[in-house]
Amino acid sequence: MKKLLIIVVMLIGFTGFAQDEVKGNKVSSKEVAPVWKGCEDSSDKKACFNKMLMQHIKENIKYSKNSEGEWIRGKATVSMKVNEEGKVVVNSVDGKSPVLNKEAKRLMESIPEMTPGKLAGKPRAIKYTIPINF
């Protein structure tokens, strides 16, 4: 019975501390993703960004062949960011083929400059991880 009383007192004490809240102090900051040129007037900027990225990849990708003349197949995962100036900076490329990694890096670095992302109205670097299948 004594143990049960101690447990109840402890639970009441913990829940009492959990009820503390600050009133009248609202801070909110909204993160805004980078905007691809041509997507400024779009109602769904994220969908437009994805569409323009896919279009860029389709139009600019260069497939490589191996020494036997066969297409090299594989996957490269690009970690990049759109910096405060709206330029793409590739941080790393992970994949099994150095040839595909080089092409994936070239492809991402050829993305045109865009309007940078923002946090609380100030330009901010936004990170992305993009898988590319060859």
N, C-alpha and C. Protein backbone atom coordinates (compact mmCIF):
# COMPACT_ATOMS: atom_id res chain seq x y z
N MET A 1 0.83 -1.19 0.00
CA MET A 1 0.00 0.00 0.00
C MET A 1 0.87 1.26 0.00
N LYS A 2 1.96 1.19 0.74
CA LYS A 2 2.87 2.33 0.84
C LYS A 2 3.52 2.60 -0.53
N LYS A 3 3.90 1.52 -1.24
CA LYS A 3 4.50 1.67 -2.56
C LYS A 3 3.51 2.27 -3.55
N LEU A 4 2.27 1.84 -3.47
CA LEU A 4 1.23 2.36 -4.37
C LEU A 4 1.03 3.86 -4.14
N LEU A 5 1.04 4.28 -2.90
CA LEU A 5 0.89 5.70 -2.56
C LEU A 5 2.06 6.51 -3.11
N ILE A 6 3.26 5.99 -3.01
CA ILE A 6 4.45 6.68 -3.53
C ILE A 6 4.36 6.81 -5.05
N ILE A 7 3.94 5.75 -5.73
CA ILE A 7 3.81 5.79 -7.19
C ILE A 7 2.78 6.82 -7.62
N VAL A 8 1.64 6.87 -6.92
CA VAL A 8 0.59 7.83 -7.26
C VAL A 8 1.08 9.26 -7.06
N VAL A 9 1.79 9.52 -5.98
CA VAL A 9 2.32 10.86 -5.71
C VAL A 9 3.33 11.26 -6.79
N MET A 10 4.16 10.31 -7.19
CA MET A 10 5.15 10.60 -8.23
C MET A 10 4.47 10.91 -9.57
N LEU A 11 3.46 10.12 -9.94
CA LEU A 11 2.75 10.36 -11.20
C LEU A 11 2.06 11.71 -11.21
N ILE A 12 1.45 12.08 -10.10
CA ILE A 12 0.79 13.38 -10.01
C ILE A 12 1.82 14.50 -10.14
N GLY A 13 2.97 14.31 -9.52
CA GLY A 13 4.03 15.31 -9.61
C GLY A 13 4.56 15.47 -11.03
N PHE A 14 4.77 14.35 -11.73
CA PHE A 14 5.27 14.41 -13.11
C PHE A 14 4.25 15.05 -14.04
N THR A 15 2.98 14.69 -13.90
CA THR A 15 1.98 15.27 -14.79
C THR A 15 1.77 16.75 -14.48
N GLY A 16 1.99 17.14 -13.24
CA GLY A 16 1.89 18.55 -12.89
C GLY A 16 2.95 19.38 -13.61
N PHE A 17 4.16 18.87 -13.73
CA PHE A 17 5.22 19.57 -14.45
C PHE A 17 4.94 19.58 -15.95
N ALA A 18 4.31 18.57 -16.46
CA ALA A 18 4.04 18.48 -17.89
C ALA A 18 2.97 19.47 -18.33
N GLN A 19 2.19 20.01 -17.42
CA GLN A 19 1.11 20.92 -17.77
C GLN A 19 1.57 22.37 -17.93
N ASP A 20 2.82 22.67 -17.61
CA ASP A 20 3.32 24.04 -17.76
C ASP A 20 3.32 24.43 -19.22
N GLU A 21 2.87 25.61 -19.53
CA GLU A 21 2.92 26.11 -20.91
C GLU A 21 3.09 27.62 -20.90
N VAL A 22 3.64 28.11 -21.97
CA VAL A 22 3.86 29.53 -22.11
C VAL A 22 2.71 30.09 -22.92
N LYS A 23 2.04 31.09 -22.40
CA LYS A 23 0.90 31.67 -23.09
C LYS A 23 1.27 33.04 -23.64
N GLY A 24 0.70 33.38 -24.80
CA GLY A 24 0.91 34.69 -25.38
C GLY A 24 2.23 34.85 -26.11
N ASN A 25 2.95 33.79 -26.31
CA ASN A 25 4.24 33.87 -26.98
C ASN A 25 4.23 32.90 -28.16
N LYS A 26 3.86 33.38 -29.32
CA LYS A 26 3.78 32.52 -30.50
C LYS A 26 4.95 32.82 -31.43
N VAL A 27 5.70 31.78 -31.74
CA VAL A 27 6.80 31.90 -32.68
C VAL A 27 6.60 30.84 -33.74
N SER A 28 6.48 31.28 -34.96
CA SER A 28 6.35 30.30 -36.04
C SER A 28 7.20 30.79 -37.20
N SER A 29 7.90 29.86 -37.79
CA SER A 29 8.68 30.19 -38.96
C SER A 29 8.42 29.11 -39.99
N LYS A 30 8.08 29.53 -41.16
CA LYS A 30 7.71 28.60 -42.22
C LYS A 30 8.88 28.46 -43.18
N GLU A 31 9.24 27.20 -43.46
CA GLU A 31 10.30 26.93 -44.43
C GLU A 31 9.68 26.85 -45.81
N VAL A 32 10.29 27.55 -46.76
CA VAL A 32 9.82 27.57 -48.13
C VAL A 32 10.89 26.92 -49.01
N ALA A 33 10.48 25.96 -49.82
CA ALA A 33 11.41 25.24 -50.68
C ALA A 33 11.88 26.14 -51.83
N PRO A 34 13.01 25.80 -52.45
CA PRO A 34 13.48 26.55 -53.61
C PRO A 34 12.45 26.47 -54.74
N VAL A 35 12.42 27.51 -55.57
CA VAL A 35 11.46 27.58 -56.68
C VAL A 35 12.22 27.56 -57.99
N TRP A 36 11.93 26.58 -58.82
CA TRP A 36 12.53 26.43 -60.14
C TRP A 36 12.04 27.56 -61.03
N LYS A 37 12.91 28.10 -61.88
CA LYS A 37 12.48 29.15 -62.80
C LYS A 37 11.37 28.62 -63.69
N GLY A 38 10.28 29.34 -63.76
CA GLY A 38 9.11 28.91 -64.51
C GLY A 38 8.01 28.39 -63.60
N CYS A 39 8.32 28.17 -62.33
CA CYS A 39 7.34 27.66 -61.36
C CYS A 39 6.85 28.74 -60.40
N GLU A 40 7.28 29.98 -60.62
CA GLU A 40 6.92 31.05 -59.68
C GLU A 40 5.42 31.26 -59.56
N ASP A 41 4.69 31.10 -60.66
CA ASP A 41 3.25 31.36 -60.66
C ASP A 41 2.42 30.09 -60.46
N SER A 42 3.07 28.96 -60.26
CA SER A 42 2.36 27.69 -60.10
C SER A 42 1.68 27.62 -58.74
N SER A 43 0.51 27.02 -58.70
CA SER A 43 -0.21 26.88 -57.43
C SER A 43 0.43 25.80 -56.55
N ASP A 44 1.03 24.77 -57.17
CA ASP A 44 1.72 23.72 -56.43
C ASP A 44 3.20 23.73 -56.83
N LYS A 45 3.97 24.53 -56.12
CA LYS A 45 5.39 24.72 -56.46
C LYS A 45 6.21 23.45 -56.29
N LYS A 46 5.84 22.61 -55.32
CA LYS A 46 6.57 21.37 -55.09
C LYS A 46 6.39 20.42 -56.28
N ALA A 47 5.17 20.27 -56.75
CA ALA A 47 4.90 19.41 -57.91
C ALA A 47 5.59 19.96 -59.15
N CYS A 48 5.59 21.28 -59.30
CA CYS A 48 6.25 21.91 -60.45
C CYS A 48 7.76 21.68 -60.36
N PHE A 49 8.34 21.79 -59.15
CA PHE A 49 9.77 21.54 -58.96
C PHE A 49 10.11 20.11 -59.39
N ASN A 50 9.32 19.14 -58.91
CA ASN A 50 9.57 17.74 -59.27
C ASN A 50 9.44 17.51 -60.77
N LYS A 51 8.44 18.12 -61.38
CA LYS A 51 8.23 17.98 -62.83
C LYS A 51 9.42 18.55 -63.61
N MET A 52 9.87 19.74 -63.21
CA MET A 52 10.99 20.38 -63.91
C MET A 52 12.29 19.61 -63.70
N LEU A 53 12.48 19.03 -62.50
CA LEU A 53 13.67 18.23 -62.24
C LEU A 53 13.67 16.98 -63.13
N MET A 54 12.54 16.30 -63.23
CA MET A 54 12.44 15.10 -64.07
C MET A 54 12.68 15.47 -65.54
N GLN A 55 12.12 16.58 -65.97
CA GLN A 55 12.32 17.04 -67.34
C GLN A 55 13.79 17.35 -67.60
N HIS A 56 14.44 17.99 -66.65
CA HIS A 56 15.87 18.31 -66.77
C HIS A 56 16.69 17.03 -66.90
N ILE A 57 16.39 16.05 -66.07
CA ILE A 57 17.12 14.78 -66.12
C ILE A 57 16.91 14.09 -67.46
N LYS A 58 15.66 14.01 -67.92
CA LYS A 58 15.36 13.35 -69.20
C LYS A 58 16.06 14.01 -70.37
N GLU A 59 16.11 15.33 -70.37
CA GLU A 59 16.69 16.06 -71.49
C GLU A 59 18.22 16.10 -71.47
N ASN A 60 18.84 15.95 -70.31
CA ASN A 60 20.28 16.16 -70.21
C ASN A 60 21.11 14.93 -69.84
N ILE A 61 20.47 13.82 -69.54
CA ILE A 61 21.22 12.63 -69.14
C ILE A 61 21.97 12.05 -70.33
N LYS A 62 23.19 11.60 -70.07
CA LYS A 62 24.00 10.96 -71.10
C LYS A 62 24.35 9.56 -70.60
N TYR A 63 23.90 8.57 -71.36
CA TYR A 63 24.16 7.18 -70.99
C TYR A 63 25.54 6.77 -71.51
N SER A 64 26.26 6.00 -70.71
CA SER A 64 27.61 5.56 -71.07
C SER A 64 27.62 4.08 -71.43
N LYS A 65 28.61 3.71 -72.24
CA LYS A 65 28.80 2.31 -72.61
C LYS A 65 30.10 1.81 -72.01
N ASN A 66 30.15 0.50 -71.75
CA ASN A 66 31.38 -0.10 -71.24
C ASN A 66 32.30 -0.47 -72.41
N SER A 67 33.40 -1.15 -72.12
CA SER A 67 34.39 -1.48 -73.16
C SER A 67 33.85 -2.46 -74.21
N GLU A 68 32.81 -3.22 -73.87
CA GLU A 68 32.20 -4.15 -74.83
C GLU A 68 31.11 -3.48 -75.66
N GLY A 69 30.84 -2.22 -75.41
CA GLY A 69 29.82 -1.50 -76.15
C GLY A 69 28.42 -1.64 -75.57
N GLU A 70 28.30 -2.20 -74.37
CA GLU A 70 27.00 -2.36 -73.72
C GLU A 70 26.73 -1.16 -72.83
N TRP A 71 25.44 -0.81 -72.71
CA TRP A 71 25.06 0.30 -71.84
C TRP A 71 25.37 -0.06 -70.40
N ILE A 72 25.91 0.88 -69.66
CA ILE A 72 26.20 0.67 -68.24
C ILE A 72 24.90 0.93 -67.47
N ARG A 73 24.50 -0.03 -66.67
CA ARG A 73 23.28 0.11 -65.87
C ARG A 73 23.66 0.22 -64.40
N GLY A 74 22.81 0.90 -63.67
CA GLY A 74 23.06 1.03 -62.24
C GLY A 74 22.29 2.19 -61.65
N LYS A 75 22.63 2.51 -60.42
CA LYS A 75 21.95 3.58 -59.69
C LYS A 75 22.99 4.43 -58.98
N ALA A 76 22.75 5.72 -58.97
CA ALA A 76 23.60 6.66 -58.23
C ALA A 76 22.69 7.53 -57.39
N THR A 77 23.04 7.71 -56.14
CA THR A 77 22.25 8.55 -55.24
C THR A 77 23.05 9.83 -54.96
N VAL A 78 22.44 10.95 -55.30
CA VAL A 78 23.10 12.25 -55.18
C VAL A 78 22.59 12.98 -53.94
N SER A 79 23.51 13.39 -53.06
CA SER A 79 23.17 14.26 -51.93
C SER A 79 23.63 15.66 -52.32
N MET A 80 22.67 16.57 -52.33
CA MET A 80 22.98 17.93 -52.77
C MET A 80 22.19 18.93 -51.97
N LYS A 81 22.50 20.19 -52.19
CA LYS A 81 21.70 21.25 -51.58
C LYS A 81 21.58 22.39 -52.57
N VAL A 82 20.50 23.13 -52.43
CA VAL A 82 20.32 24.38 -53.16
C VAL A 82 20.70 25.46 -52.16
N ASN A 83 21.84 26.14 -52.41
CA ASN A 83 22.38 27.06 -51.42
C ASN A 83 21.59 28.37 -51.36
N GLU A 84 22.08 29.30 -50.54
CA GLU A 84 21.39 30.57 -50.31
C GLU A 84 21.32 31.45 -51.54
N GLU A 85 22.16 31.17 -52.55
CA GLU A 85 22.14 31.93 -53.80
C GLU A 85 21.28 31.25 -54.86
N GLY A 86 20.76 30.05 -54.56
CA GLY A 86 19.92 29.33 -55.52
C GLY A 86 20.70 28.42 -56.45
N LYS A 87 21.97 28.18 -56.14
CA LYS A 87 22.81 27.31 -56.96
C LYS A 87 22.87 25.92 -56.33
N VAL A 88 22.95 24.90 -57.19
CA VAL A 88 23.03 23.52 -56.71
C VAL A 88 24.49 23.19 -56.37
N VAL A 89 24.70 22.64 -55.18
CA VAL A 89 26.01 22.21 -54.73
C VAL A 89 25.90 20.72 -54.39
N VAL A 90 26.66 19.89 -55.12
CA VAL A 90 26.62 18.44 -54.88
C VAL A 90 27.56 18.12 -53.72
N ASN A 91 27.02 17.49 -52.68
CA ASN A 91 27.83 17.11 -51.51
C ASN A 91 28.49 15.75 -51.71
N SER A 92 27.72 14.78 -52.21
CA SER A 92 28.29 13.45 -52.44
C SER A 92 27.44 12.69 -53.45
N VAL A 93 28.07 11.68 -54.07
CA VAL A 93 27.38 10.78 -54.99
C VAL A 93 27.76 9.36 -54.60
N ASP A 94 26.75 8.54 -54.32
CA ASP A 94 26.99 7.15 -53.93
C ASP A 94 26.45 6.22 -55.00
N GLY A 95 27.28 5.34 -55.47
CA GLY A 95 26.90 4.36 -56.47
C GLY A 95 28.07 3.43 -56.72
N LYS A 96 27.81 2.31 -57.37
CA LYS A 96 28.87 1.31 -57.60
C LYS A 96 29.77 1.67 -58.76
N SER A 97 29.26 2.40 -59.76
CA SER A 97 30.03 2.71 -60.95
C SER A 97 30.56 4.14 -60.92
N PRO A 98 31.88 4.32 -60.99
CA PRO A 98 32.45 5.68 -61.02
C PRO A 98 31.98 6.48 -62.23
N VAL A 99 31.74 5.80 -63.36
CA VAL A 99 31.27 6.48 -64.57
C VAL A 99 29.87 7.05 -64.33
N LEU A 100 28.98 6.26 -63.73
CA LEU A 100 27.62 6.72 -63.45
C LEU A 100 27.63 7.81 -62.37
N ASN A 101 28.49 7.68 -61.39
CA ASN A 101 28.60 8.71 -60.34
C ASN A 101 29.02 10.05 -60.94
N LYS A 102 29.98 10.01 -61.86
CA LYS A 102 30.45 11.24 -62.51
C LYS A 102 29.34 11.88 -63.32
N GLU A 103 28.57 11.06 -64.05
CA GLU A 103 27.47 11.58 -64.86
C GLU A 103 26.36 12.15 -63.97
N ALA A 104 26.06 11.47 -62.87
CA ALA A 104 25.03 11.97 -61.95
C ALA A 104 25.43 13.32 -61.36
N LYS A 105 26.70 13.46 -61.01
CA LYS A 105 27.19 14.74 -60.47
C LYS A 105 27.10 15.83 -61.53
N ARG A 106 27.53 15.53 -62.76
CA ARG A 106 27.47 16.51 -63.84
C ARG A 106 26.02 16.93 -64.10
N LEU A 107 25.13 15.96 -64.08
CA LEU A 107 23.72 16.22 -64.34
C LEU A 107 23.11 17.16 -63.29
N MET A 108 23.40 16.92 -62.03
CA MET A 108 22.85 17.75 -60.96
C MET A 108 23.48 19.14 -60.95
N GLU A 109 24.78 19.21 -61.26
CA GLU A 109 25.44 20.52 -61.28
C GLU A 109 24.98 21.38 -62.46
N SER A 110 24.36 20.75 -63.46
CA SER A 110 23.88 21.51 -64.62
C SER A 110 22.47 22.06 -64.42
N ILE A 111 21.90 21.85 -63.25
CA ILE A 111 20.57 22.41 -62.96
C ILE A 111 20.69 23.93 -62.95
N PRO A 112 19.78 24.61 -63.63
CA PRO A 112 19.87 26.08 -63.66
C PRO A 112 19.63 26.70 -62.28
N GLU A 113 20.15 27.89 -62.11
CA GLU A 113 19.98 28.62 -60.86
C GLU A 113 18.50 28.88 -60.63
N MET A 114 18.09 28.83 -59.37
CA MET A 114 16.68 29.02 -59.04
C MET A 114 16.54 29.97 -57.85
N THR A 115 15.31 30.30 -57.52
CA THR A 115 15.05 31.13 -56.35
C THR A 115 15.34 30.28 -55.11
N PRO A 116 16.21 30.74 -54.20
CA PRO A 116 16.58 29.91 -53.05
C PRO A 116 15.43 29.67 -52.08
N GLY A 117 15.56 28.62 -51.29
CA GLY A 117 14.60 28.35 -50.23
C GLY A 117 14.72 29.39 -49.14
N LYS A 118 13.70 29.48 -48.30
CA LYS A 118 13.71 30.50 -47.25
C LYS A 118 13.22 29.91 -45.94
N LEU A 119 13.73 30.45 -44.85
CA LEU A 119 13.24 30.14 -43.52
C LEU A 119 13.07 31.47 -42.80
N ALA A 120 11.86 31.73 -42.36
CA ALA A 120 11.53 33.00 -41.70
C ALA A 120 11.85 34.19 -42.60
N GLY A 121 11.67 34.01 -43.91
CA GLY A 121 11.87 35.10 -44.86
C GLY A 121 13.31 35.33 -45.29
N LYS A 122 14.24 34.56 -44.75
CA LYS A 122 15.65 34.72 -45.10
C LYS A 122 16.11 33.54 -45.94
N PRO A 123 16.97 33.77 -46.95
CA PRO A 123 17.46 32.66 -47.79
C PRO A 123 18.14 31.58 -46.94
N ARG A 124 17.89 30.33 -47.31
CA ARG A 124 18.43 29.21 -46.56
C ARG A 124 18.74 28.06 -47.51
N ALA A 125 19.82 27.33 -47.24
CA ALA A 125 20.18 26.15 -48.03
C ALA A 125 19.21 25.01 -47.70
N ILE A 126 18.71 24.35 -48.74
CA ILE A 126 17.79 23.23 -48.58
C ILE A 126 18.45 21.99 -49.15
N LYS A 127 18.47 20.90 -48.38
CA LYS A 127 19.14 19.67 -48.79
C LYS A 127 18.16 18.71 -49.49
N TYR A 128 18.70 17.97 -50.46
CA TYR A 128 17.94 16.98 -51.20
C TYR A 128 18.79 15.72 -51.38
N THR A 129 18.14 14.58 -51.46
CA THR A 129 18.78 13.32 -51.84
C THR A 129 17.99 12.75 -53.00
N ILE A 130 18.65 12.60 -54.14
CA ILE A 130 17.96 12.20 -55.36
C ILE A 130 18.59 10.93 -55.93
N PRO A 131 17.79 9.86 -56.07
CA PRO A 131 18.30 8.64 -56.72
C PRO A 131 18.13 8.76 -58.24
N ILE A 132 19.15 8.35 -58.98
CA ILE A 132 19.09 8.38 -60.45
C ILE A 132 19.38 6.97 -60.95
N ASN A 133 18.45 6.41 -61.71
CA ASN A 133 18.62 5.08 -62.29
C ASN A 133 19.06 5.20 -63.74
N PHE A 134 20.10 4.48 -64.08
CA PHE A 134 20.62 4.47 -65.44
C PHE A 134 20.25 3.14 -66.09
